[in-house]
Amino acid sequence: MDFKAISSNVADDFEAVNSFIQHHLDTDVPLIREVGEYIIQSGGKRLRPLVCLLCARAAGYSGDKHVNVAAVIELLHTATLLHDDVVDESGLRRGRPTVNAVWGNAASVLVGDFLISRSFQLMVALEDQRLLEILSLSTNTISEGEVLQLINCRDPDTSEESYMRVIHHKTAKMFESAAETGAVLGATEGRDQAEAFATFGRHLGIAFQLVDDVLDYQGDVEELGKNVGDDLAEGKPTLPLIHTIRSGSPEQAKLIKDAIRTGGLDRLQDIIHIVRDSGGLSHTVAVAEEQTRLALAALETVPESRYKEALQTLALESLKRTH
């Protein structure tokens, strides 16, 4: 993805978000400051705040409050990653050791809690009831998604419908909220306009997660920043596996079900070949393509601008990701 070209449309805004985050991670508690600096240095594309910035400008917003909102969204997202890595016992993210791998689970959870509480402080400071409603609902929905994923973990009988519900709650909701809050600030066409942007963000987020699912079986550790097969090792029944269980032979289905139950990677290469040959990856890509089509369709009523074009490009390029 040519992320630099897309983000160049809001380059000054994007830099302001980075500065805002650095400023509000400052604290007189040394451990929080140390972990905060580590998180910032770990990089990441910051796609969710980018979506917020682009949607605000595409909706006609000319102020600077969207910078604060975008920063809150990134802080909330980072907090979920810190908690995720503890739950999943992950040791690698974006090519670097996770916070829990370096400082331990307690520090990772507690700094995640700090980021959430700081985010709510910043939300209140916005003095906008609708923004607060959107962001607080998003936080709650994501928490529900985490629990839904926990319920599905090690369950090879998870349905495609159940899994899609998980990724809507856990991943897509933050994209949806990023887009909607940006549009609310612009409010050029009232609530209908905001709902169109929210729909775009929701389908973009689902597509983004589905591409991640595919990369877990055909990506490269150097590009992914995590180990291939991590989802399987964590017992997560993602869409490629769900489809393969449904469409593969009884022997293939049993192999994958056993691997989900145990988190076993002993036959990872065999499973990768089965998932590819049974159409698990192609099915997942097809669903991601349909979600991208729905995302683009949601923007049809949005007035033409370079910001709308950047959003369209972002959706299309997300399908081509290698990491």
C-alpha atoms as a PDB file:
ATOM      1  CA  MET A   1       0.000   0.000   0.000  1.00  0.00           C
ATOM      2  CA  ASP A   2       1.315   3.435  -0.957  1.00  0.00           C
ATOM      3  CA  PHE A   3       0.440   4.747   2.479  1.00  0.00           C
ATOM      4  CA  LYS A   4       2.618   7.821   2.144  1.00  0.00           C
ATOM      5  CA  ALA A   5       0.796   9.003  -0.981  1.00  0.00           C
ATOM      6  CA  ILE A   6      -2.614   8.516   0.647  1.00  0.00           C
ATOM      7  CA  SER A   7      -1.684  10.225   3.908  1.00  0.00           C
ATOM      8  CA  SER A   8      -0.063  13.127   2.040  1.00  0.00           C
ATOM      9  CA  ASN A   9      -3.565  14.498   1.510  1.00  0.00           C
ATOM     10  CA  VAL A  10      -3.711  15.301   5.217  1.00  0.00           C
ATOM     11  CA  ALA A  11       0.026  15.488   5.948  1.00  0.00           C
ATOM     12  CA  ASP A  12      -0.155  18.455   8.332  1.00  0.00           C
ATOM     13  CA  ASP A  13      -3.126  16.967  10.176  1.00  0.00           C
ATOM     14  CA  PHE A  14      -1.352  13.614  10.445  1.00  0.00           C
ATOM     15  CA  GLU A  15       1.754  15.230  11.916  1.00  0.00           C
ATOM     16  CA  ALA A  16      -0.441  17.109  14.375  1.00  0.00           C
ATOM     17  CA  VAL A  17      -1.953  13.785  15.502  1.00  0.00           C
ATOM     18  CA  ASN A  18       1.514  12.378  16.178  1.00  0.00           C
ATOM     19  CA  SER A  19       2.457  15.445  18.206  1.00  0.00           C
ATOM     20  CA  PHE A  20      -0.830  15.306  20.125  1.00  0.00           C
ATOM     21  CA  ILE A  21      -0.272  11.654  21.021  1.00  0.00           C
ATOM     22  CA  GLN A  22       3.292  12.276  22.204  1.00  0.00           C
ATOM     23  CA  HIS A  23       2.173  15.198  24.337  1.00  0.00           C
ATOM     24  CA  HIS A  24      -0.682  13.326  25.999  1.00  0.00           C
ATOM     25  CA  LEU A  25       1.383  10.220  26.697  1.00  0.00           C
ATOM     26  CA  ASP A  26       3.613  12.382  28.865  1.00  0.00           C
ATOM     27  CA  THR A  27       3.289  11.528  32.554  1.00  0.00           C
ATOM     28  CA  ASP A  28       5.378  11.650  35.705  1.00  0.00           C
ATOM     29  CA  VAL A  29       5.028   7.859  36.078  1.00  0.00           C
ATOM     30  CA  PRO A  30       8.296   6.516  34.587  1.00  0.00           C
ATOM     31  CA  LEU A  31       6.980   3.110  33.484  1.00  0.00           C
ATOM     32  CA  ILE A  32       4.050   4.613  31.575  1.00  0.00           C
ATOM     33  CA  ARG A  33       6.376   7.099  29.902  1.00  0.00           C
ATOM     34  CA  GLU A  34       8.868   4.363  28.999  1.00  0.00           C
ATOM     35  CA  VAL A  35       6.224   2.053  27.547  1.00  0.00           C
ATOM     36  CA  GLY A  36       4.580   4.978  25.756  1.00  0.00           C
ATOM     37  CA  GLU A  37       7.826   5.876  24.013  1.00  0.00           C
ATOM     38  CA  TYR A  38       8.321   2.241  23.054  1.00  0.00           C
ATOM     39  CA  ILE A  39       4.834   2.112  21.531  1.00  0.00           C
ATOM     40  CA  ILE A  40       5.420   5.264  19.499  1.00  0.00           C
ATOM     41  CA  GLN A  41       8.765   3.976  18.232  1.00  0.00           C
ATOM     42  CA  SER A  42       7.138   0.677  17.252  1.00  0.00           C
ATOM     43  CA  GLY A  43       5.535   2.456  14.328  1.00  0.00           C
ATOM     44  CA  GLY A  44       2.354   1.256  12.713  1.00  0.00           C
ATOM     45  CA  LYS A  45       0.473   2.949   9.885  1.00  0.00           C
ATOM     46  CA  ARG A  46      -2.153   4.563  12.120  1.00  0.00           C
ATOM     47  CA  LEU A  47      -4.842   3.761   9.593  1.00  0.00           C
ATOM     48  CA  ARG A  48      -7.746   4.490  11.912  1.00  0.00           C
ATOM     49  CA  PRO A  49      -6.735   8.083  12.671  1.00  0.00           C
ATOM     50  CA  LEU A  50      -5.999   8.530   8.953  1.00  0.00           C
ATOM     51  CA  VAL A  51      -9.560   7.431   8.144  1.00  0.00           C
ATOM     52  CA  CYS A  52     -10.881   9.952  10.664  1.00  0.00           C
ATOM     53  CA  LEU A  53      -8.831  12.796   9.192  1.00  0.00           C
ATOM     54  CA  LEU A  54      -9.769  12.002   5.595  1.00  0.00           C
ATOM     55  CA  CYS A  55     -13.470  11.598   6.392  1.00  0.00           C
ATOM     56  CA  ALA A  56     -13.561  14.896   8.268  1.00  0.00           C
ATOM     57  CA  ARG A  57     -12.044  16.736   5.322  1.00  0.00           C
ATOM     58  CA  ALA A  58     -14.194  14.841   2.807  1.00  0.00           C
ATOM     59  CA  ALA A  59     -17.254  15.919   4.829  1.00  0.00           C
ATOM     60  CA  GLY A  60     -16.186  19.543   4.544  1.00  0.00           C
ATOM     61  CA  TYR A  61     -14.680  20.096   7.978  1.00  0.00           C
ATOM     62  CA  SER A  62     -12.173  22.954   8.104  1.00  0.00           C
ATOM     63  CA  GLY A  63     -11.328  23.117  11.823  1.00  0.00           C
ATOM     64  CA  ASP A  64      -8.762  21.209  13.872  1.00  0.00           C
ATOM     65  CA  LYS A  65     -10.831  19.240  16.384  1.00  0.00           C
ATOM     66  CA  HIS A  66     -10.515  16.179  14.138  1.00  0.00           C
ATOM     67  CA  VAL A  67      -6.851  15.975  15.177  1.00  0.00           C
ATOM     68  CA  ASN A  68      -7.887  15.409  18.801  1.00  0.00           C
ATOM     69  CA  VAL A  69     -10.512  12.839  17.788  1.00  0.00           C
ATOM     70  CA  ALA A  70      -8.068  10.955  15.561  1.00  0.00           C
ATOM     71  CA  ALA A  71      -5.537  10.843  18.403  1.00  0.00           C
ATOM     72  CA  VAL A  72      -8.150   9.470  20.818  1.00  0.00           C
ATOM     73  CA  ILE A  73      -9.001   6.747  18.304  1.00  0.00           C
ATOM     74  CA  GLU A  74      -5.340   5.757  18.020  1.00  0.00           C
ATOM     75  CA  LEU A  75      -4.899   5.686  21.803  1.00  0.00           C
ATOM     76  CA  LEU A  76      -7.962   3.474  22.201  1.00  0.00           C
ATOM     77  CA  HIS A  77      -6.742   1.179  19.429  1.00  0.00           C
ATOM     78  CA  THR A  78      -3.297   0.926  21.030  1.00  0.00           C
ATOM     79  CA  ALA A  79      -4.875   0.037  24.364  1.00  0.00           C
ATOM     80  CA  THR A  80      -6.764  -2.841  22.730  1.00  0.00           C
ATOM     81  CA  LEU A  81      -3.507  -4.102  21.199  1.00  0.00           C
ATOM     82  CA  LEU A  82      -1.787  -4.110  24.592  1.00  0.00           C
ATOM     83  CA  HIS A  83      -4.634  -6.113  26.082  1.00  0.00           C
ATOM     84  CA  ASP A  84      -4.859  -8.395  23.019  1.00  0.00           C
ATOM     85  CA  ASP A  85      -1.208  -9.337  23.266  1.00  0.00           C
ATOM     86  CA  VAL A  86      -1.674 -10.402  26.870  1.00  0.00           C
ATOM     87  CA  VAL A  87      -4.783 -12.456  26.117  1.00  0.00           C
ATOM     88  CA  ASP A  88      -3.145 -14.052  23.057  1.00  0.00           C
ATOM     89  CA  GLU A  89       0.239 -14.450  24.790  1.00  0.00           C
ATOM     90  CA  SER A  90       1.823 -12.785  21.760  1.00  0.00           C
ATOM     91  CA  GLY A  91       5.542 -12.137  21.709  1.00  0.00           C
ATOM     92  CA  LEU A  92       5.898 -10.211  18.447  1.00  0.00           C
ATOM     93  CA  ARG A  93       4.061  -7.268  16.914  1.00  0.00           C
ATOM     94  CA  ARG A  94       5.203  -5.111  13.991  1.00  0.00           C
ATOM     95  CA  GLY A  95       8.482  -6.984  14.012  1.00  0.00           C
ATOM     96  CA  ARG A  96       9.321  -6.037  17.599  1.00  0.00           C
ATOM     97  CA  PRO A  97       8.801  -7.774  20.951  1.00  0.00           C
ATOM     98  CA  THR A  98       5.413  -6.934  22.416  1.00  0.00           C
ATOM     99  CA  VAL A  99       5.091  -4.798  25.547  1.00  0.00           C
ATOM    100  CA  ASN A 100       4.082  -7.860  27.572  1.00  0.00           C
ATOM    101  CA  ALA A 101       7.162  -9.712  26.295  1.00  0.00           C
ATOM    102  CA  VAL A 102       9.432  -6.885  27.478  1.00  0.00           C
ATOM    103  CA  TRP A 103       7.760  -5.607  30.666  1.00  0.00           C
ATOM    104  CA  GLY A 104       5.364  -8.444  31.525  1.00  0.00           C
ATOM    105  CA  ASN A 105       1.599  -8.885  31.463  1.00  0.00           C
ATOM    106  CA  ALA A 106       0.829  -6.641  34.419  1.00  0.00           C
ATOM    107  CA  ALA A 107       2.563  -3.626  32.900  1.00  0.00           C
ATOM    108  CA  SER A 108       0.898  -4.224  29.527  1.00  0.00           C
ATOM    109  CA  VAL A 109      -2.592  -4.402  31.039  1.00  0.00           C
ATOM    110  CA  LEU A 110      -2.098  -1.420  33.323  1.00  0.00           C
ATOM    111  CA  VAL A 111      -0.605   0.835  30.642  1.00  0.00           C
ATOM    112  CA  GLY A 112      -3.509  -0.204  28.409  1.00  0.00           C
ATOM    113  CA  ASP A 113      -5.850   0.902  31.190  1.00  0.00           C
ATOM    114  CA  PHE A 114      -4.008   4.227  31.374  1.00  0.00           C
ATOM    115  CA  LEU A 115      -4.467   4.758  27.633  1.00  0.00           C
ATOM    116  CA  ILE A 116      -8.207   4.083  27.915  1.00  0.00           C
ATOM    117  CA  SER A 117      -8.659   6.423  30.875  1.00  0.00           C
ATOM    118  CA  ARG A 118      -6.575   9.117  29.173  1.00  0.00           C
ATOM    119  CA  SER A 119      -8.699   8.684  26.057  1.00  0.00           C
ATOM    120  CA  PHE A 120     -11.871   9.322  28.040  1.00  0.00           C
ATOM    121  CA  GLN A 121     -10.331  12.421  29.548  1.00  0.00           C
ATOM    122  CA  LEU A 122      -9.649  13.690  26.037  1.00  0.00           C
ATOM    123  CA  MET A 123     -13.144  12.704  24.855  1.00  0.00           C
ATOM    124  CA  VAL A 124     -14.761  14.766  27.617  1.00  0.00           C
ATOM    125  CA  ALA A 125     -12.530  17.719  26.705  1.00  0.00           C
ATOM    126  CA  LEU A 126     -14.042  17.675  23.198  1.00  0.00           C
ATOM    127  CA  GLU A 127     -17.345  18.861  24.735  1.00  0.00           C
ATOM    128  CA  ASP A 128     -19.368  17.173  21.995  1.00  0.00           C
ATOM    129  CA  GLN A 129     -22.052  14.768  23.170  1.00  0.00           C
ATOM    130  CA  ARG A 130     -22.438  12.970  19.845  1.00  0.00           C
ATOM    131  CA  LEU A 131     -18.710  12.308  19.522  1.00  0.00           C
ATOM    132  CA  LEU A 132     -18.654  11.017  23.084  1.00  0.00           C
ATOM    133  CA  GLU A 133     -21.590   8.705  22.337  1.00  0.00           C
ATOM    134  CA  ILE A 134     -19.911   7.277  19.230  1.00  0.00           C
ATOM    135  CA  LEU A 135     -16.539   6.687  20.887  1.00  0.00           C
ATOM    136  CA  SER A 136     -17.933   5.256  24.124  1.00  0.00           C
ATOM    137  CA  LEU A 137     -20.177   2.867  22.162  1.00  0.00           C
ATOM    138  CA  SER A 138     -17.181   1.849  20.081  1.00  0.00           C
ATOM    139  CA  THR A 139     -15.127   1.063  23.180  1.00  0.00           C
ATOM    140  CA  ASN A 140     -17.916  -1.068  24.595  1.00  0.00           C
ATOM    141  CA  THR A 141     -18.508  -2.906  21.315  1.00  0.00           C
ATOM    142  CA  ILE A 142     -14.815  -3.728  20.957  1.00  0.00           C
ATOM    143  CA  SER A 143     -14.794  -5.168  24.469  1.00  0.00           C
ATOM    144  CA  GLU A 144     -17.745  -7.349  23.512  1.00  0.00           C
ATOM    145  CA  GLY A 145     -15.825  -8.460  20.438  1.00  0.00           C
ATOM    146  CA  GLU A 146     -12.880  -9.510  22.572  1.00  0.00           C
ATOM    147  CA  VAL A 147     -15.163 -11.662  24.704  1.00  0.00           C
ATOM    148  CA  LEU A 148     -16.875 -13.140  21.643  1.00  0.00           C
ATOM    149  CA  GLN A 149     -13.464 -14.072  20.260  1.00  0.00           C
ATOM    150  CA  LEU A 150     -12.545 -15.655  23.589  1.00  0.00           C
ATOM    151  CA  ILE A 151     -15.723 -17.745  23.442  1.00  0.00           C
ATOM    152  CA  ASN A 152     -14.879 -18.908  19.913  1.00  0.00           C
ATOM    153  CA  CYS A 153     -11.262 -19.654  20.761  1.00  0.00           C
ATOM    154  CA  ARG A 154     -10.436 -23.379  20.413  1.00  0.00           C
ATOM    155  CA  ASP A 155     -13.913 -23.973  18.994  1.00  0.00           C
ATOM    156  CA  PRO A 156     -13.615 -25.568  15.531  1.00  0.00           C
ATOM    157  CA  ASP A 157     -17.410 -25.484  15.115  1.00  0.00           C
ATOM    158  CA  THR A 158     -17.500 -21.687  14.953  1.00  0.00           C
ATOM    159  CA  SER A 159     -19.722 -20.614  12.049  1.00  0.00           C
ATOM    160  CA  GLU A 160     -18.869 -18.034   9.404  1.00  0.00           C
ATOM    161  CA  GLU A 161     -21.712 -15.864  10.706  1.00  0.00           C
ATOM    162  CA  SER A 162     -20.327 -16.003  14.237  1.00  0.00           C
ATOM    163  CA  TYR A 163     -16.834 -15.155  13.045  1.00  0.00           C
ATOM    164  CA  MET A 164     -18.040 -12.201  10.964  1.00  0.00           C
ATOM    165  CA  ARG A 165     -19.778 -10.886  14.075  1.00  0.00           C
ATOM    166  CA  VAL A 166     -16.478 -11.077  15.965  1.00  0.00           C
ATOM    167  CA  ILE A 167     -14.537  -9.106  13.383  1.00  0.00           C
ATOM    168  CA  HIS A 168     -17.277  -6.495  13.091  1.00  0.00           C
ATOM    169  CA  HIS A 169     -17.110  -5.902  16.839  1.00  0.00           C
ATOM    170  CA  LYS A 170     -13.388  -6.363  17.368  1.00  0.00           C
ATOM    171  CA  THR A 171     -11.845  -4.749  14.271  1.00  0.00           C
ATOM    172  CA  ALA A 172     -14.380  -3.007  12.070  1.00  0.00           C
ATOM    173  CA  LYS A 173     -16.061  -1.001  14.827  1.00  0.00           C
ATOM    174  CA  MET A 174     -13.021   1.229  15.338  1.00  0.00           C
ATOM    175  CA  PHE A 175     -12.762   1.913  11.597  1.00  0.00           C
ATOM    176  CA  GLU A 176     -16.487   2.668  11.583  1.00  0.00           C
ATOM    177  CA  SER A 177     -16.176   5.072  14.510  1.00  0.00           C
ATOM    178  CA  ALA A 178     -13.137   6.765  12.985  1.00  0.00           C
ATOM    179  CA  ALA A 179     -15.080   7.462   9.799  1.00  0.00           C
ATOM    180  CA  GLU A 180     -18.276   8.494  11.570  1.00  0.00           C
ATOM    181  CA  THR A 181     -16.645  10.894  14.026  1.00  0.00           C
ATOM    182  CA  GLY A 182     -14.794  12.587  11.195  1.00  0.00           C
ATOM    183  CA  ALA A 183     -18.023  13.001   9.264  1.00  0.00           C
ATOM    184  CA  VAL A 184     -19.911  14.269  12.312  1.00  0.00           C
ATOM    185  CA  LEU A 185     -17.405  17.102  12.579  1.00  0.00           C
ATOM    186  CA  GLY A 186     -18.037  18.008   8.954  1.00  0.00           C
ATOM    187  CA  ALA A 187     -21.804  17.434   9.100  1.00  0.00           C
ATOM    188  CA  THR A 188     -22.283  18.883   5.616  1.00  0.00           C
ATOM    189  CA  GLU A 189     -25.394  16.800   4.941  1.00  0.00           C
ATOM    190  CA  GLY A 190     -26.496  15.969   8.469  1.00  0.00           C
ATOM    191  CA  ARG A 191     -26.927  12.477   9.875  1.00  0.00           C
ATOM    192  CA  ASP A 192     -27.312  10.708   6.518  1.00  0.00           C
ATOM    193  CA  GLN A 193     -23.861  11.852   5.483  1.00  0.00           C
ATOM    194  CA  ALA A 194     -22.334  10.605   8.733  1.00  0.00           C
ATOM    195  CA  GLU A 195     -24.046   7.239   8.311  1.00  0.00           C
ATOM    196  CA  ALA A 196     -22.625   6.895   4.805  1.00  0.00           C
ATOM    197  CA  PHE A 197     -19.108   7.415   6.130  1.00  0.00           C
ATOM    198  CA  ALA A 198     -19.774   5.020   9.017  1.00  0.00           C
ATOM    199  CA  THR A 199     -20.890   2.359   6.540  1.00  0.00           C
ATOM    200  CA  PHE A 200     -17.714   2.916   4.546  1.00  0.00           C
ATOM    201  CA  GLY A 201     -15.570   2.494   7.666  1.00  0.00           C
ATOM    202  CA  ARG A 202     -17.398  -0.641   8.774  1.00  0.00           C
ATOM    203  CA  HIS A 203     -16.926  -2.473   5.470  1.00  0.00           C
ATOM    204  CA  LEU A 204     -13.344  -1.223   5.146  1.00  0.00           C
ATOM    205  CA  GLY A 205     -12.565  -2.615   8.600  1.00  0.00           C
ATOM    206  CA  ILE A 206     -14.080  -6.012   7.826  1.00  0.00           C
ATOM    207  CA  ALA A 207     -12.127  -6.241   4.571  1.00  0.00           C
ATOM    208  CA  PHE A 208      -8.944  -5.202   6.359  1.00  0.00           C
ATOM    209  CA  GLN A 209      -9.309  -8.007   8.923  1.00  0.00           C
ATOM    210  CA  LEU A 210     -10.085 -10.600   6.255  1.00  0.00           C
ATOM    211  CA  VAL A 211      -6.893  -9.692   4.392  1.00  0.00           C
ATOM    212  CA  ASP A 212      -5.048 -10.142   7.705  1.00  0.00           C
ATOM    213  CA  ASP A 213      -6.586 -13.612   7.951  1.00  0.00           C
ATOM    214  CA  VAL A 214      -5.245 -14.496   4.519  1.00  0.00           C
ATOM    215  CA  LEU A 215      -1.786 -13.148   5.322  1.00  0.00           C
ATOM    216  CA  ASP A 216      -1.597 -15.417   8.355  1.00  0.00           C
ATOM    217  CA  TYR A 217      -1.324 -18.316   5.909  1.00  0.00           C
ATOM    218  CA  GLN A 218       0.691 -16.839   3.069  1.00  0.00           C
ATOM    219  CA  GLY A 219       2.580 -13.857   4.472  1.00  0.00           C
ATOM    220  CA  ASP A 220       6.234 -13.426   5.323  1.00  0.00           C
ATOM    221  CA  VAL A 221       7.378 -12.911   8.916  1.00  0.00           C
ATOM    222  CA  GLU A 222       9.696 -10.080   7.889  1.00  0.00           C
ATOM    223  CA  GLU A 223       6.824  -8.178   6.282  1.00  0.00           C
ATOM    224  CA  LEU A 224       4.052  -9.196   8.659  1.00  0.00           C
ATOM    225  CA  GLY A 225       5.941  -8.374  11.825  1.00  0.00           C
ATOM    226  CA  LYS A 226       4.495 -11.515  13.385  1.00  0.00           C
ATOM    227  CA  ASN A 227       4.856 -15.229  12.879  1.00  0.00           C
ATOM    228  CA  VAL A 228       2.937 -17.007  10.129  1.00  0.00           C
ATOM    229  CA  GLY A 229       0.381 -19.320  11.751  1.00  0.00           C
ATOM    230  CA  ASP A 230      -0.047 -17.183  14.882  1.00  0.00           C
ATOM    231  CA  ASP A 231      -3.847 -17.249  14.591  1.00  0.00           C
ATOM    232  CA  LEU A 232      -3.857 -21.039  14.458  1.00  0.00           C
ATOM    233  CA  ALA A 233      -1.392 -21.257  17.351  1.00  0.00           C
ATOM    234  CA  GLU A 234      -3.815 -19.152  19.397  1.00  0.00           C
ATOM    235  CA  GLY A 235      -6.705 -21.446  18.467  1.00  0.00           C
ATOM    236  CA  LYS A 236      -8.540 -18.780  16.466  1.00  0.00           C
ATOM    237  CA  PRO A 237     -11.002 -20.217  13.918  1.00  0.00           C
ATOM    238  CA  THR A 238     -10.594 -17.531  11.240  1.00  0.00           C
ATOM    239  CA  LEU A 239     -12.495 -17.511   7.948  1.00  0.00           C
ATOM    240  CA  PRO A 240      -9.899 -19.453   5.878  1.00  0.00           C
ATOM    241  CA  LEU A 241     -10.092 -22.291   8.403  1.00  0.00           C
ATOM    242  CA  ILE A 242     -13.873 -22.158   8.754  1.00  0.00           C
ATOM    243  CA  HIS A 243     -14.321 -22.422   4.986  1.00  0.00           C
ATOM    244  CA  THR A 244     -11.758 -25.221   4.696  1.00  0.00           C
ATOM    245  CA  ILE A 245     -13.484 -27.273   7.389  1.00  0.00           C
ATOM    246  CA  ARG A 246     -16.735 -26.838   5.474  1.00  0.00           C
ATOM    247  CA  SER A 247     -15.391 -27.578   1.991  1.00  0.00           C
ATOM    248  CA  GLY A 248     -12.453 -29.926   2.555  1.00  0.00           C
ATOM    249  CA  SER A 249     -12.439 -33.696   2.924  1.00  0.00           C
ATOM    250  CA  PRO A 250     -13.375 -35.289   6.270  1.00  0.00           C
ATOM    251  CA  GLU A 251      -9.696 -36.050   6.893  1.00  0.00           C
ATOM    252  CA  GLN A 252      -8.683 -32.459   6.164  1.00  0.00           C
ATOM    253  CA  ALA A 253     -11.485 -31.099   8.349  1.00  0.00           C
ATOM    254  CA  LYS A 254     -10.402 -33.330  11.224  1.00  0.00           C
ATOM    255  CA  LEU A 255      -6.776 -32.197  10.940  1.00  0.00           C
ATOM    256  CA  ILE A 256      -7.763 -28.544  11.104  1.00  0.00           C
ATOM    257  CA  LYS A 257     -10.297 -29.043  13.892  1.00  0.00           C
ATOM    258  CA  ASP A 258      -7.682 -30.824  15.991  1.00  0.00           C
ATOM    259  CA  ALA A 259      -5.182 -28.026  15.352  1.00  0.00           C
ATOM    260  CA  ILE A 260      -7.719 -25.373  16.420  1.00  0.00           C
ATOM    261  CA  ARG A 261      -8.517 -27.275  19.604  1.00  0.00           C
ATOM    262  CA  THR A 262      -4.868 -27.699  20.568  1.00  0.00           C
ATOM    263  CA  GLY A 263      -3.229 -24.700  18.923  1.00  0.00           C
ATOM    264  CA  GLY A 264      -0.862 -27.210  17.404  1.00  0.00           C
ATOM    265  CA  LEU A 265       1.552 -26.137  14.693  1.00  0.00           C
ATOM    266  CA  ASP A 266       3.151 -29.549  14.173  1.00  0.00           C
ATOM    267  CA  ARG A 267       1.556 -29.815  10.743  1.00  0.00           C
ATOM    268  CA  LEU A 268       1.378 -26.121   9.902  1.00  0.00           C
ATOM    269  CA  GLN A 269       2.781 -26.579   6.391  1.00  0.00           C
ATOM    270  CA  ASP A 270       0.233 -29.308   5.651  1.00  0.00           C
ATOM    271  CA  ILE A 271      -2.565 -27.058   6.915  1.00  0.00           C
ATOM    272  CA  ILE A 272      -1.335 -24.138   4.817  1.00  0.00           C
ATOM    273  CA  HIS A 273      -1.443 -26.311   1.693  1.00  0.00           C
ATOM    274  CA  ILE A 274      -4.903 -27.629   2.569  1.00  0.00           C
ATOM    275  CA  VAL A 275      -6.280 -24.141   3.194  1.00  0.00           C
ATOM    276  CA  ARG A 276      -4.934 -22.987  -0.166  1.00  0.00           C
ATOM    277  CA  ASP A 277      -6.033 -26.047  -2.143  1.00  0.00           C
ATOM    278  CA  SER A 278      -9.541 -26.171  -0.641  1.00  0.00           C
ATOM    279  CA  GLY A 279     -10.266 -22.567  -1.566  1.00  0.00           C
ATOM    280  CA  GLY A 280     -10.101 -21.221   1.981  1.00  0.00           C
ATOM    281  CA  LEU A 281      -7.881 -18.310   0.981  1.00  0.00           C
ATOM    282  CA  SER A 282      -9.677 -17.541  -2.276  1.00  0.00           C
ATOM    283  CA  HIS A 283     -13.038 -17.567  -0.482  1.00  0.00           C
ATOM    284  CA  THR A 284     -11.744 -15.154   2.143  1.00  0.00           C
ATOM    285  CA  VAL A 285     -10.318 -12.856  -0.534  1.00  0.00           C
ATOM    286  CA  ALA A 286     -13.675 -12.925  -2.345  1.00  0.00           C
ATOM    287  CA  VAL A 287     -15.515 -11.895   0.826  1.00  0.00           C
ATOM    288  CA  ALA A 288     -12.945  -9.124   1.391  1.00  0.00           C
ATOM    289  CA  GLU A 289     -13.479  -7.910  -2.181  1.00  0.00           C
ATOM    290  CA  GLU A 290     -17.238  -7.782  -1.626  1.00  0.00           C
ATOM    291  CA  GLN A 291     -16.754  -5.831   1.592  1.00  0.00           C
ATOM    292  CA  THR A 292     -14.536  -3.379  -0.286  1.00  0.00           C
ATOM    293  CA  ARG A 293     -17.206  -2.988  -2.965  1.00  0.00           C
ATOM    294  CA  LEU A 294     -19.751  -2.160  -0.260  1.00  0.00           C
ATOM    295  CA  ALA A 295     -17.330   0.343   1.287  1.00  0.00           C
ATOM    296  CA  LEU A 296     -16.870   2.129  -2.029  1.00  0.00           C
ATOM    297  CA  ALA A 297     -20.616   2.104  -2.711  1.00  0.00           C
ATOM    298  CA  ALA A 298     -21.208   3.895   0.590  1.00  0.00           C
ATOM    299  CA  LEU A 299     -19.139   6.832  -0.662  1.00  0.00           C
ATOM    300  CA  GLU A 300     -21.187   7.349  -3.826  1.00  0.00           C
ATOM    301  CA  THR A 301     -23.267  10.133  -2.247  1.00  0.00           C
ATOM    302  CA  VAL A 302     -20.193  11.945  -0.904  1.00  0.00           C
ATOM    303  CA  PRO A 303     -19.148  15.024  -2.946  1.00  0.00           C
ATOM    304  CA  GLU A 304     -16.048  14.575  -5.082  1.00  0.00           C
ATOM    305  CA  SER A 305     -12.769  15.745  -3.555  1.00  0.00           C
ATOM    306  CA  ARG A 306      -9.181  14.616  -3.224  1.00  0.00           C
ATOM    307  CA  TYR A 307     -10.063  13.362   0.257  1.00  0.00           C
ATOM    308  CA  LYS A 308     -12.833  11.130  -1.070  1.00  0.00           C
ATOM    309  CA  GLU A 309     -10.457   9.868  -3.745  1.00  0.00           C
ATOM    310  CA  ALA A 310      -7.868   9.096  -1.048  1.00  0.00           C
ATOM    311  CA  LEU A 311     -10.481   7.081   0.883  1.00  0.00           C
ATOM    312  CA  GLN A 312     -11.351   5.124  -2.250  1.00  0.00           C
ATOM    313  CA  THR A 313      -7.680   4.453  -2.916  1.00  0.00           C
ATOM    314  CA  LEU A 314      -7.170   3.364   0.690  1.00  0.00           C
ATOM    315  CA  ALA A 315      -9.977   0.805   0.375  1.00  0.00           C
ATOM    316  CA  LEU A 316      -8.635  -0.614  -2.869  1.00  0.00           C
ATOM    317  CA  GLU A 317      -5.022  -0.666  -1.743  1.00  0.00           C
ATOM    318  CA  SER A 318      -5.936  -2.423   1.518  1.00  0.00           C
ATOM    319  CA  LEU A 319      -6.859  -5.475  -0.553  1.00  0.00           C
ATOM    320  CA  LYS A 320      -3.341  -5.624  -1.987  1.00  0.00           C
ATOM    321  CA  ARG A 321      -1.512  -5.574   1.336  1.00  0.00           C
ATOM    322  CA  THR A 322       1.402  -7.906   2.003  1.00  0.00           C
ATOM    323  CA  HIS A 323       1.654  -6.869   5.667  1.00  0.00           C
END
